[in-house]
PDB file of all heavy atoms in Angstrom:
ATOM      1  N   TRP A   1      -9.762 -23.980  36.182  1.00  0.00           N
ATOM      2  CA  TRP A   1      -9.256 -23.537  37.482  1.00  0.00           C
ATOM      3  C   TRP A   1      -7.766 -23.234  37.397  1.00  0.00           C
ATOM      4  O   TRP A   1      -7.004 -23.963  36.764  1.00  0.00           O
ATOM      5  CB  TRP A   1      -9.459 -24.628  38.518  1.00  0.00           C
ATOM      6  CG  TRP A   1     -10.892 -24.991  38.810  1.00  0.00           C
ATOM      7  CD1 TRP A   1     -11.850 -25.375  37.921  1.00  0.00           C
ATOM      8  CD2 TRP A   1     -11.504 -25.052  40.103  1.00  0.00           C
ATOM      9  NE1 TRP A   1     -13.019 -25.661  38.567  1.00  0.00           N
ATOM     10  CE2 TRP A   1     -12.840 -25.482  39.913  1.00  0.00           C
ATOM     11  CE3 TRP A   1     -11.057 -24.795  41.393  1.00  0.00           C
ATOM     12  CZ2 TRP A   1     -13.725 -25.648  40.984  1.00  0.00           C
ATOM     13  CZ3 TRP A   1     -11.939 -24.969  42.454  1.00  0.00           C
ATOM     14  CH2 TRP A   1     -13.258 -25.379  42.248  1.00  0.00           C
ATOM     15  N   TYR A   2      -7.371 -22.164  38.096  1.00  0.00           N
ATOM     16  CA  TYR A   2      -5.955 -21.798  38.196  1.00  0.00           C
ATOM     17  C   TYR A   2      -5.626 -21.629  39.673  1.00  0.00           C
ATOM     18  O   TYR A   2      -6.216 -20.796  40.365  1.00  0.00           O
ATOM     19  CB  TYR A   2      -5.680 -20.505  37.434  1.00  0.00           C
ATOM     20  CG  TYR A   2      -4.220 -20.125  37.333  1.00  0.00           C
ATOM     21  CD1 TYR A   2      -3.466 -20.510  36.230  1.00  0.00           C
ATOM     22  CD2 TYR A   2      -3.602 -19.385  38.336  1.00  0.00           C
ATOM     23  CE1 TYR A   2      -2.121 -20.159  36.127  1.00  0.00           C
ATOM     24  CE2 TYR A   2      -2.259 -19.040  38.243  1.00  0.00           C
ATOM     25  CZ  TYR A   2      -1.528 -19.425  37.135  1.00  0.00           C
ATOM     26  OH  TYR A   2      -0.195 -19.086  37.031  1.00  0.00           O
ATOM     27  N   GLU A   3      -4.676 -22.420  40.159  1.00  0.00           N
ATOM     28  CA  GLU A   3      -4.294 -22.369  41.568  1.00  0.00           C
ATOM     29  C   GLU A   3      -2.971 -21.632  41.739  1.00  0.00           C
ATOM     30  O   GLU A   3      -2.014 -21.882  40.999  1.00  0.00           O
ATOM     31  CB  GLU A   3      -4.157 -23.791  42.131  1.00  0.00           C
ATOM     32  CG  GLU A   3      -3.690 -23.826  43.584  1.00  0.00           C
ATOM     33  CD  GLU A   3      -3.526 -25.242  44.118  1.00  0.00           C
ATOM     34  OE1 GLU A   3      -3.706 -26.207  43.348  1.00  0.00           O
ATOM     35  OE2 GLU A   3      -3.204 -25.374  45.327  1.00  0.00           O
ATOM     36  N   PHE A   4      -2.942 -20.718  42.708  1.00  0.00           N
ATOM     37  CA  PHE A   4      -1.667 -20.096  43.076  1.00  0.00           C
ATOM     38  C   PHE A   4      -1.700 -19.727  44.553  1.00  0.00           C
ATOM     39  O   PHE A   4      -2.759 -19.622  45.167  1.00  0.00           O
ATOM     40  CB  PHE A   4      -1.355 -18.875  42.203  1.00  0.00           C
ATOM     41  CG  PHE A   4      -2.262 -17.687  42.425  1.00  0.00           C
ATOM     42  CD1 PHE A   4      -1.999 -16.747  43.418  1.00  0.00           C
ATOM     43  CD2 PHE A   4      -3.377 -17.485  41.623  1.00  0.00           C
ATOM     44  CE1 PHE A   4      -2.822 -15.650  43.612  1.00  0.00           C
ATOM     45  CE2 PHE A   4      -4.212 -16.395  41.813  1.00  0.00           C
ATOM     46  CZ  PHE A   4      -3.935 -15.473  42.812  1.00  0.00           C
ATOM     47  N   PHE A   5      -0.516 -19.526  45.109  1.00  0.00           N
ATOM     48  CA  PHE A   5      -0.385 -19.152  46.515  1.00  0.00           C
ATOM     49  C   PHE A   5      -0.351 -17.632  46.613  1.00  0.00           C
ATOM     50  O   PHE A   5       0.567 -16.995  46.075  1.00  0.00           O
ATOM     51  CB  PHE A   5       0.898 -19.738  47.105  1.00  0.00           C
ATOM     52  CG  PHE A   5       0.854 -21.213  47.356  1.00  0.00           C
ATOM     53  CD1 PHE A   5       0.904 -22.118  46.304  1.00  0.00           C
ATOM     54  CD2 PHE A   5       0.767 -21.712  48.651  1.00  0.00           C
ATOM     55  CE1 PHE A   5       0.871 -23.483  46.525  1.00  0.00           C
ATOM     56  CE2 PHE A   5       0.728 -23.079  48.891  1.00  0.00           C
ATOM     57  CZ  PHE A   5       0.780 -23.969  47.823  1.00  0.00           C
ATOM     58  N   PRO A   6      -1.290 -17.005  47.292  1.00  0.00           N
ATOM     59  CA  PRO A   6      -1.304 -15.542  47.378  1.00  0.00           C
ATOM     60  C   PRO A   6      -0.035 -14.958  47.987  1.00  0.00           C
ATOM     61  O   PRO A   6       0.368 -13.847  47.651  1.00  0.00           O
ATOM     62  CB  PRO A   6      -2.521 -15.232  48.254  1.00  0.00           C
ATOM     63  CG  PRO A   6      -3.278 -16.474  48.406  1.00  0.00           C
ATOM     64  CD  PRO A   6      -2.435 -17.618  47.969  1.00  0.00           C
ATOM     65  N   ARG A   7       0.607 -15.707  48.855  1.00  0.00           N
ATOM     66  CA  ARG A   7       1.796 -15.163  49.509  1.00  0.00           C
ATOM     67  C   ARG A   7       2.983 -15.069  48.558  1.00  0.00           C
ATOM     68  O   ARG A   7       3.987 -14.430  48.876  1.00  0.00           O
ATOM     69  CB  ARG A   7       2.160 -16.016  50.720  1.00  0.00           C
ATOM     70  CG  ARG A   7       2.637 -17.429  50.409  1.00  0.00           C
ATOM     71  CD  ARG A   7       2.758 -18.237  51.681  1.00  0.00           C
ATOM     72  NE  ARG A   7       3.345 -19.554  51.476  1.00  0.00           N
ATOM     73  CZ  ARG A   7       3.437 -20.486  52.421  1.00  0.00           C
ATOM     74  NH1 ARG A   7       2.949 -20.232  53.630  1.00  0.00           N
ATOM     75  NH2 ARG A   7       3.988 -21.644  52.175  1.00  0.00           N
ATOM     76  N   SER A   8       2.863 -15.699  47.376  1.00  0.00           N
ATOM     77  CA  SER A   8       3.959 -15.659  46.397  1.00  0.00           C
ATOM     78  C   SER A   8       3.666 -14.717  45.234  1.00  0.00           C
ATOM     79  O   SER A   8       4.160 -14.909  44.125  1.00  0.00           O
ATOM     80  CB  SER A   8       4.225 -17.068  45.850  1.00  0.00           C
ATOM     81  OG  SER A   8       4.662 -17.943  46.858  1.00  0.00           O
ATOM     82  N   THR A   9       2.855 -13.700  45.467  1.00  0.00           N
ATOM     83  CA  THR A   9       2.447 -12.816  44.376  1.00  0.00           C
ATOM     84  C   THR A   9       3.132 -11.456  44.394  1.00  0.00           C
ATOM     85  O   THR A   9       2.849 -10.606  43.539  1.00  0.00           O
ATOM     86  CB  THR A   9       0.921 -12.586  44.431  1.00  0.00           C
ATOM     87  OG1 THR A   9       0.568 -12.067  45.725  1.00  0.00           O
ATOM     88  CG2 THR A   9       0.171 -13.888  44.184  1.00  0.00           C
ATOM     89  N   ALA A  10       4.033 -11.220  45.352  1.00  0.00           N
ATOM     90  CA  ALA A  10       4.679  -9.900  45.449  1.00  0.00           C
ATOM     91  C   ALA A  10       5.558  -9.638  44.233  1.00  0.00           C
ATOM     92  O   ALA A  10       6.182 -10.551  43.683  1.00  0.00           O
ATOM     93  CB  ALA A  10       5.504  -9.810  46.720  1.00  0.00           C
ATOM     94  N   GLN A  11       5.606  -8.383  43.817  1.00  0.00           N
ATOM     95  CA  GLN A  11       6.463  -8.008  42.695  1.00  0.00           C
ATOM     96  C   GLN A  11       7.933  -8.045  43.084  1.00  0.00           C
ATOM     97  O   GLN A  11       8.794  -8.337  42.257  1.00  0.00           O
ATOM     98  CB  GLN A  11       6.093  -6.606  42.196  1.00  0.00           C
ATOM     99  CG  GLN A  11       4.749  -6.550  41.479  1.00  0.00           C
ATOM    100  CD  GLN A  11       4.428  -5.155  40.998  1.00  0.00           C
ATOM    101  OE1 GLN A  11       4.111  -4.266  41.779  1.00  0.00           O
ATOM    102  NE2 GLN A  11       4.549  -4.951  39.698  1.00  0.00           N
ATOM    103  N   GLU A  12       8.226  -7.741  44.356  1.00  0.00           N
ATOM    104  CA  GLU A  12       9.607  -7.687  44.804  1.00  0.00           C
ATOM    105  C   GLU A  12       9.966  -8.973  45.536  1.00  0.00           C
ATOM    106  O   GLU A  12       9.188  -9.481  46.337  1.00  0.00           O
ATOM    107  CB  GLU A  12       9.841  -6.497  45.753  1.00  0.00           C
ATOM    108  CG  GLU A  12       9.314  -5.169  45.233  1.00  0.00           C
ATOM    109  CD  GLU A  12       7.853  -4.957  45.553  1.00  0.00           C
ATOM    110  OE1 GLU A  12       7.301  -5.712  46.374  1.00  0.00           O
ATOM    111  OE2 GLU A  12       7.250  -4.052  44.941  1.00  0.00           O
ATOM    112  N   ALA A  13      11.150  -9.473  45.268  1.00  0.00           N
ATOM    113  CA  ALA A  13      11.625 -10.659  45.977  1.00  0.00           C
ATOM    114  C   ALA A  13      11.780 -10.355  47.459  1.00  0.00           C
ATOM    115  O   ALA A  13      12.169  -9.237  47.839  1.00  0.00           O
ATOM    116  CB  ALA A  13      12.951 -11.128  45.387  1.00  0.00           C
ATOM    117  N   GLY A  14      11.444 -11.326  48.298  1.00  0.00           N
ATOM    118  CA  GLY A  14      11.619 -11.166  49.725  1.00  0.00           C
ATOM    119  C   GLY A  14      10.451 -10.543  50.434  1.00  0.00           C
ATOM    120  O   GLY A  14      10.488 -10.383  51.663  1.00  0.00           O
ATOM    121  N   ARG A  15       9.403 -10.181  49.696  1.00  0.00           N
ATOM    122  CA  ARG A  15       8.227  -9.588  50.333  1.00  0.00           C
ATOM    123  C   ARG A  15       7.065 -10.575  50.281  1.00  0.00           C
ATOM    124  O   ARG A  15       6.891 -11.299  49.308  1.00  0.00           O
ATOM    125  CB  ARG A  15       7.839  -8.277  49.635  1.00  0.00           C
ATOM    126  CG  ARG A  15       6.612  -7.603  50.264  1.00  0.00           C
ATOM    127  CD  ARG A  15       6.391  -6.200  49.717  1.00  0.00           C
ATOM    128  NE  ARG A  15       5.984  -6.178  48.316  1.00  0.00           N
ATOM    129  CZ  ARG A  15       4.721  -6.380  47.901  1.00  0.00           C
ATOM    130  NH1 ARG A  15       3.765  -6.657  48.787  1.00  0.00           N
ATOM    131  NH2 ARG A  15       4.432  -6.318  46.622  1.00  0.00           N
ATOM    132  N   HIS A  16       6.258 -10.590  51.331  1.00  0.00           N
ATOM    133  CA  HIS A  16       5.068 -11.440  51.404  1.00  0.00           C
ATOM    134  C   HIS A  16       3.973 -10.863  50.517  1.00  0.00           C
ATOM    135  O   HIS A  16       3.670  -9.669  50.579  1.00  0.00           O
ATOM    136  CB  HIS A  16       4.584 -11.518  52.857  1.00  0.00           C
ATOM    137  CG  HIS A  16       3.606 -12.616  53.126  1.00  0.00           C
ATOM    138  ND1 HIS A  16       2.318 -12.603  52.657  1.00  0.00           N
ATOM    139  CD2 HIS A  16       3.741 -13.780  53.829  1.00  0.00           C
ATOM    140  CE1 HIS A  16       1.690 -13.699  53.062  1.00  0.00           C
ATOM    141  NE2 HIS A  16       2.543 -14.433  53.788  1.00  0.00           N
ATOM    142  N   GLY A  17       3.375 -11.692  49.687  1.00  0.00           N
ATOM    143  CA  GLY A  17       2.303 -11.233  48.811  1.00  0.00           C
ATOM    144  C   GLY A  17       1.045 -10.887  49.581  1.00  0.00           C
ATOM    145  O   GLY A  17       0.813 -11.379  50.695  1.00  0.00           O
ATOM    146  N   THR A  18       0.218 -10.045  48.970  1.00  0.00           N
ATOM    147  CA  THR A  18      -1.029  -9.587  49.589  1.00  0.00           C
ATOM    148  C   THR A  18      -2.182  -9.749  48.601  1.00  0.00           C
ATOM    149  O   THR A  18      -1.983 -10.058  47.421  1.00  0.00           O
ATOM    150  CB  THR A  18      -0.926  -8.113  49.994  1.00  0.00           C
ATOM    151  OG1 THR A  18      -0.827  -7.315  48.791  1.00  0.00           O
ATOM    152  CG2 THR A  18       0.288  -7.857  50.883  1.00  0.00           C
ATOM    153  N   PHE A  19      -3.393  -9.505  49.082  1.00  0.00           N
ATOM    154  CA  PHE A  19      -4.546  -9.544  48.184  1.00  0.00           C
ATOM    155  C   PHE A  19      -4.450  -8.451  47.119  1.00  0.00           C
ATOM    156  O   PHE A  19      -4.956  -8.624  45.999  1.00  0.00           O
ATOM    157  CB  PHE A  19      -5.847  -9.404  48.976  1.00  0.00           C
ATOM    158  CG  PHE A  19      -6.132 -10.576  49.876  1.00  0.00           C
ATOM    159  CD1 PHE A  19      -6.448 -10.377  51.211  1.00  0.00           C
ATOM    160  CD2 PHE A  19      -6.063 -11.871  49.398  1.00  0.00           C
ATOM    161  CE1 PHE A  19      -6.707 -11.446  52.047  1.00  0.00           C
ATOM    162  CE2 PHE A  19      -6.314 -12.949  50.225  1.00  0.00           C
ATOM    163  CZ  PHE A  19      -6.642 -12.741  51.555  1.00  0.00           C
ATOM    164  N   LYS A  20      -3.820  -7.341  47.450  1.00  0.00           N
ATOM    165  CA  LYS A  20      -3.611  -6.296  46.448  1.00  0.00           C
ATOM    166  C   LYS A  20      -2.694  -6.806  45.330  1.00  0.00           C
ATOM    167  O   LYS A  20      -2.887  -6.498  44.151  1.00  0.00           O
ATOM    168  CB  LYS A  20      -3.014  -5.046  47.108  1.00  0.00           C
ATOM    169  CG  LYS A  20      -3.977  -4.306  48.023  1.00  0.00           C
ATOM    170  CD  LYS A  20      -5.159  -3.736  47.232  1.00  0.00           C
ATOM    171  CE  LYS A  20      -6.073  -2.919  48.120  1.00  0.00           C
ATOM    172  NZ  LYS A  20      -7.249  -2.395  47.367  1.00  0.00           N
ATOM    173  N   ASP A  21      -1.668  -7.585  45.701  1.00  0.00           N
ATOM    174  CA  ASP A  21      -0.816  -8.198  44.681  1.00  0.00           C
ATOM    175  C   ASP A  21      -1.607  -9.197  43.842  1.00  0.00           C
ATOM    176  O   ASP A  21      -1.399  -9.305  42.632  1.00  0.00           O
ATOM    177  CB  ASP A  21       0.367  -8.911  45.346  1.00  0.00           C
ATOM    178  CG  ASP A  21       1.322  -7.946  46.024  1.00  0.00           C
ATOM    179  OD1 ASP A  21       1.720  -6.956  45.385  1.00  0.00           O
ATOM    180  OD2 ASP A  21       1.667  -8.186  47.198  1.00  0.00           O
ATOM    181  N   CYS A  22      -2.521  -9.908  44.494  1.00  0.00           N
ATOM    182  CA  CYS A  22      -3.359 -10.857  43.758  1.00  0.00           C
ATOM    183  C   CYS A  22      -4.217 -10.130  42.726  1.00  0.00           C
ATOM    184  O   CYS A  22      -4.417 -10.630  41.602  1.00  0.00           O
ATOM    185  CB  CYS A  22      -4.252 -11.633  44.721  1.00  0.00           C
ATOM    186  SG  CYS A  22      -3.368 -12.752  45.831  1.00  0.00           S
ATOM    187  N   GLU A  23      -4.731  -8.972  43.102  1.00  0.00           N
ATOM    188  CA  GLU A  23      -5.532  -8.187  42.160  1.00  0.00           C
ATOM    189  C   GLU A  23      -4.729  -7.840  40.909  1.00  0.00           C
ATOM    190  O   GLU A  23      -5.268  -7.831  39.794  1.00  0.00           O
ATOM    191  CB  GLU A  23      -6.030  -6.904  42.828  1.00  0.00           C
ATOM    192  CG  GLU A  23      -7.140  -7.117  43.829  1.00  0.00           C
ATOM    193  CD  GLU A  23      -7.683  -5.803  44.365  1.00  0.00           C
ATOM    194  OE1 GLU A  23      -7.524  -4.757  43.672  1.00  0.00           O
ATOM    195  OE2 GLU A  23      -8.249  -5.798  45.472  1.00  0.00           O
ATOM    196  N   ARG A  24      -3.443  -7.564  41.097  1.00  0.00           N
ATOM    197  CA  ARG A  24      -2.592  -7.215  39.959  1.00  0.00           C
ATOM    198  C   ARG A  24      -2.489  -8.357  38.945  1.00  0.00           C
ATOM    199  O   ARG A  24      -2.280  -8.131  37.751  1.00  0.00           O
ATOM    200  CB  ARG A  24      -1.207  -6.840  40.487  1.00  0.00           C
ATOM    201  CG  ARG A  24      -0.190  -6.461  39.425  1.00  0.00           C
ATOM    202  CD  ARG A  24       1.116  -6.021  40.065  1.00  0.00           C
ATOM    203  NE  ARG A  24       1.623  -7.035  40.998  1.00  0.00           N
ATOM    204  CZ  ARG A  24       2.343  -8.093  40.611  1.00  0.00           C
ATOM    205  NH1 ARG A  24       2.632  -8.267  39.328  1.00  0.00           N
ATOM    206  NH2 ARG A  24       2.771  -8.974  41.497  1.00  0.00           N
ATOM    207  N   LEU A  25      -2.677  -9.597  39.406  1.00  0.00           N
ATOM    208  CA  LEU A  25      -2.568 -10.758  38.524  1.00  0.00           C
ATOM    209  C   LEU A  25      -3.852 -11.068  37.774  1.00  0.00           C
ATOM    210  O   LEU A  25      -3.856 -11.888  36.856  1.00  0.00           O
ATOM    211  CB  LEU A  25      -2.169 -11.988  39.340  1.00  0.00           C
ATOM    212  CG  LEU A  25      -0.788 -11.966  39.990  1.00  0.00           C
ATOM    213  CD1 LEU A  25      -0.568 -13.249  40.775  1.00  0.00           C
ATOM    214  CD2 LEU A  25       0.302 -11.790  38.937  1.00  0.00           C
ATOM    215  N   LEU A  26      -4.943 -10.447  38.166  1.00  0.00           N
ATOM    216  CA  LEU A  26      -6.230 -10.799  37.580  1.00  0.00           C
ATOM    217  C   LEU A  26      -6.270 -10.633  36.055  1.00  0.00           C
ATOM    218  O   LEU A  26      -6.748 -11.536  35.356  1.00  0.00           O
ATOM    219  CB  LEU A  26      -7.347  -9.991  38.237  1.00  0.00           C
ATOM    220  CG  LEU A  26      -7.671 -10.400  39.677  1.00  0.00           C
ATOM    221  CD1 LEU A  26      -8.648  -9.415  40.308  1.00  0.00           C
ATOM    222  CD2 LEU A  26      -8.239 -11.816  39.722  1.00  0.00           C
ATOM    223  N   PRO A  27      -5.786  -9.516  35.491  1.00  0.00           N
ATOM    224  CA  PRO A  27      -5.818  -9.410  34.029  1.00  0.00           C
ATOM    225  C   PRO A  27      -5.032 -10.525  33.341  1.00  0.00           C
ATOM    226  O   PRO A  27      -5.445 -11.032  32.289  1.00  0.00           O
ATOM    227  CB  PRO A  27      -5.197  -8.030  33.763  1.00  0.00           C
ATOM    228  CG  PRO A  27      -5.405  -7.271  35.028  1.00  0.00           C
ATOM    229  CD  PRO A  27      -5.283  -8.279  36.125  1.00  0.00           C
ATOM    230  N   ARG A  28      -3.904 -10.904  33.945  1.00  0.00           N
ATOM    231  CA  ARG A  28      -3.078 -11.962  33.360  1.00  0.00           C
ATOM    232  C   ARG A  28      -3.826 -13.290  33.341  1.00  0.00           C
ATOM    233  O   ARG A  28      -3.850 -13.999  32.319  1.00  0.00           O
ATOM    234  CB  ARG A  28      -1.789 -12.093  34.175  1.00  0.00           C
ATOM    235  CG  ARG A  28      -0.872 -13.214  33.736  1.00  0.00           C
ATOM    236  CD  ARG A  28       0.240 -13.384  34.770  1.00  0.00           C
ATOM    237  NE  ARG A  28       1.295 -14.265  34.302  1.00  0.00           N
ATOM    238  CZ  ARG A  28       1.276 -15.581  34.409  1.00  0.00           C
ATOM    239  NH1 ARG A  28       0.228 -16.168  34.961  1.00  0.00           N
ATOM    240  NH2 ARG A  28       2.283 -16.314  33.967  1.00  0.00           N
ATOM    241  N   ILE A  29      -4.449 -13.647  34.460  1.00  0.00           N
ATOM    242  CA  ILE A  29      -5.138 -14.929  34.554  1.00  0.00           C
ATOM    243  C   ILE A  29      -6.399 -14.924  33.688  1.00  0.00           C
ATOM    244  O   ILE A  29      -6.742 -15.932  33.063  1.00  0.00           O
ATOM    245  CB  ILE A  29      -5.451 -15.240  36.026  1.00  0.00           C
ATOM    246  CG1 ILE A  29      -4.134 -15.407  36.796  1.00  0.00           C
ATOM    247  CG2 ILE A  29      -6.307 -16.486  36.159  1.00  0.00           C
ATOM    248  CD1 ILE A  29      -4.297 -15.530  38.294  1.00  0.00           C
ATOM    249  N   ALA A  30      -7.079 -13.785  33.634  1.00  0.00           N
ATOM    250  CA  ALA A  30      -8.246 -13.671  32.752  1.00  0.00           C
ATOM    251  C   ALA A  30      -7.828 -13.799  31.293  1.00  0.00           C
ATOM    252  O   ALA A  30      -8.515 -14.452  30.498  1.00  0.00           O
ATOM    253  CB  ALA A  30      -8.952 -12.342  32.995  1.00  0.00           C
ATOM    254  N   GLU A  31      -6.706 -13.195  30.932  1.00  0.00           N
ATOM    255  CA  GLU A  31      -6.213 -13.293  29.555  1.00  0.00           C
ATOM    256  C   GLU A  31      -5.884 -14.742  29.191  1.00  0.00           C
ATOM    257  O   GLU A  31      -6.081 -15.169  28.048  1.00  0.00           O
ATOM    258  CB  GLU A  31      -4.964 -12.429  29.378  1.00  0.00           C
ATOM    259  CG  GLU A  31      -4.401 -12.442  27.968  1.00  0.00           C
ATOM    260  CD  GLU A  31      -3.108 -11.654  27.859  1.00  0.00           C
ATOM    261  OE1 GLU A  31      -2.674 -11.076  28.872  1.00  0.00           O
ATOM    262  OE2 GLU A  31      -2.528 -11.628  26.761  1.00  0.00           O
ATOM    263  N   MET A  32      -5.418 -15.508  30.164  1.00  0.00           N
ATOM    264  CA  MET A  32      -5.128 -16.913  29.916  1.00  0.00           C
ATOM    265  C   MET A  32      -6.399 -17.747  29.778  1.00  0.00           C
ATOM    266  O   MET A  32      -6.334 -18.909  29.357  1.00  0.00           O
ATOM    267  CB  MET A  32      -4.252 -17.483  31.033  1.00  0.00           C
ATOM    268  CG  MET A  32      -2.831 -16.953  31.046  1.00  0.00           C
ATOM    269  SD  MET A  32      -1.865 -17.658  32.402  1.00  0.00           S
ATOM    270  CE  MET A  32      -1.725 -19.369  31.882  1.00  0.00           C
ATOM    271  N   GLY A  33      -7.546 -17.188  30.157  1.00  0.00           N
ATOM    272  CA  GLY A  33      -8.812 -17.871  29.914  1.00  0.00           C
ATOM    273  C   GLY A  33      -9.375 -18.650  31.082  1.00  0.00           C
ATOM    274  O   GLY A  33     -10.326 -19.418  30.909  1.00  0.00           O
ATOM    275  N   PHE A  34      -8.841 -18.456  32.295  1.00  0.00           N
ATOM    276  CA  PHE A  34      -9.360 -19.173  33.448  1.00  0.00           C
ATOM    277  C   PHE A  34     -10.546 -18.428  34.049  1.00  0.00           C
ATOM    278  O   PHE A  34     -10.575 -17.194  34.068  1.00  0.00           O
ATOM    279  CB  PHE A  34      -8.263 -19.363  34.497  1.00  0.00           C
ATOM    280  CG  PHE A  34      -7.205 -20.337  34.061  1.00  0.00           C
ATOM    281  CD1 PHE A  34      -6.012 -19.888  33.521  1.00  0.00           C
ATOM    282  CD2 PHE A  34      -7.420 -21.700  34.171  1.00  0.00           C
ATOM    283  CE1 PHE A  34      -5.029 -20.778  33.105  1.00  0.00           C
ATOM    284  CE2 PHE A  34      -6.453 -22.601  33.756  1.00  0.00           C
ATOM    285  CZ  PHE A  34      -5.257 -22.152  33.221  1.00  0.00           C
ATOM    286  N   ASP A  35     -11.521 -19.190  34.541  1.00  0.00           N
ATOM    287  CA  ASP A  35     -12.706 -18.573  35.144  1.00  0.00           C
ATOM    288  C   ASP A  35     -12.790 -18.796  36.648  1.00  0.00           C
ATOM    289  O   ASP A  35     -13.703 -18.315  37.307  1.00  0.00           O
ATOM    290  CB  ASP A  35     -13.980 -19.087  34.475  1.00  0.00           C
ATOM    291  CG  ASP A  35     -14.091 -20.607  34.495  1.00  0.00           C
ATOM    292  OD1 ASP A  35     -13.970 -21.196  35.572  1.00  0.00           O
ATOM    293  OD2 ASP A  35     -14.301 -21.204  33.421  1.00  0.00           O
ATOM    294  N   THR A  36     -11.834 -19.561  37.195  1.00  0.00           N
ATOM    295  CA  THR A  36     -11.829 -19.824  38.634  1.00  0.00           C
ATOM    296  C   THR A  36     -10.406 -19.736  39.162  1.00  0.00           C
ATOM    297  O   THR A  36      -9.501 -20.383  38.616  1.00  0.00           O
ATOM    298  CB  THR A  36     -12.392 -21.227  38.947  1.00  0.00           C
ATOM    299  OG1 THR A  36     -13.681 -21.368  38.331  1.00  0.00           O
ATOM    300  CG2 THR A  36     -12.517 -21.439  40.447  1.00  0.00           C
ATOM    301  N   ILE A  37     -10.217 -18.933  40.178  1.00  0.00           N
ATOM    302  CA  ILE A  37      -8.938 -18.881  40.888  1.00  0.00           C
ATOM    303  C   ILE A  37      -9.119 -19.628  42.200  1.00  0.00           C
ATOM    304  O   ILE A  37     -10.015 -19.305  42.988  1.00  0.00           O
ATOM    305  CB  ILE A  37      -8.505 -17.429  41.166  1.00  0.00           C
ATOM    306  CG1 ILE A  37      -8.002 -16.769  39.877  1.00  0.00           C
ATOM    307  CG2 ILE A  37      -7.434 -17.382  42.236  1.00  0.00           C
ATOM    308  CD1 ILE A  37      -7.687 -15.288  40.034  1.00  0.00           C
TER     309      ILE A  37
END
């Protein structure tokens, strides 16, 4: 399991993260070998 806060996923500082930003992280988390977010 890998836990993260979706609101902290924005690429730019000062912006609220979105589910689209979360999608951008999927390859990274998959590469690390986690099967549950």
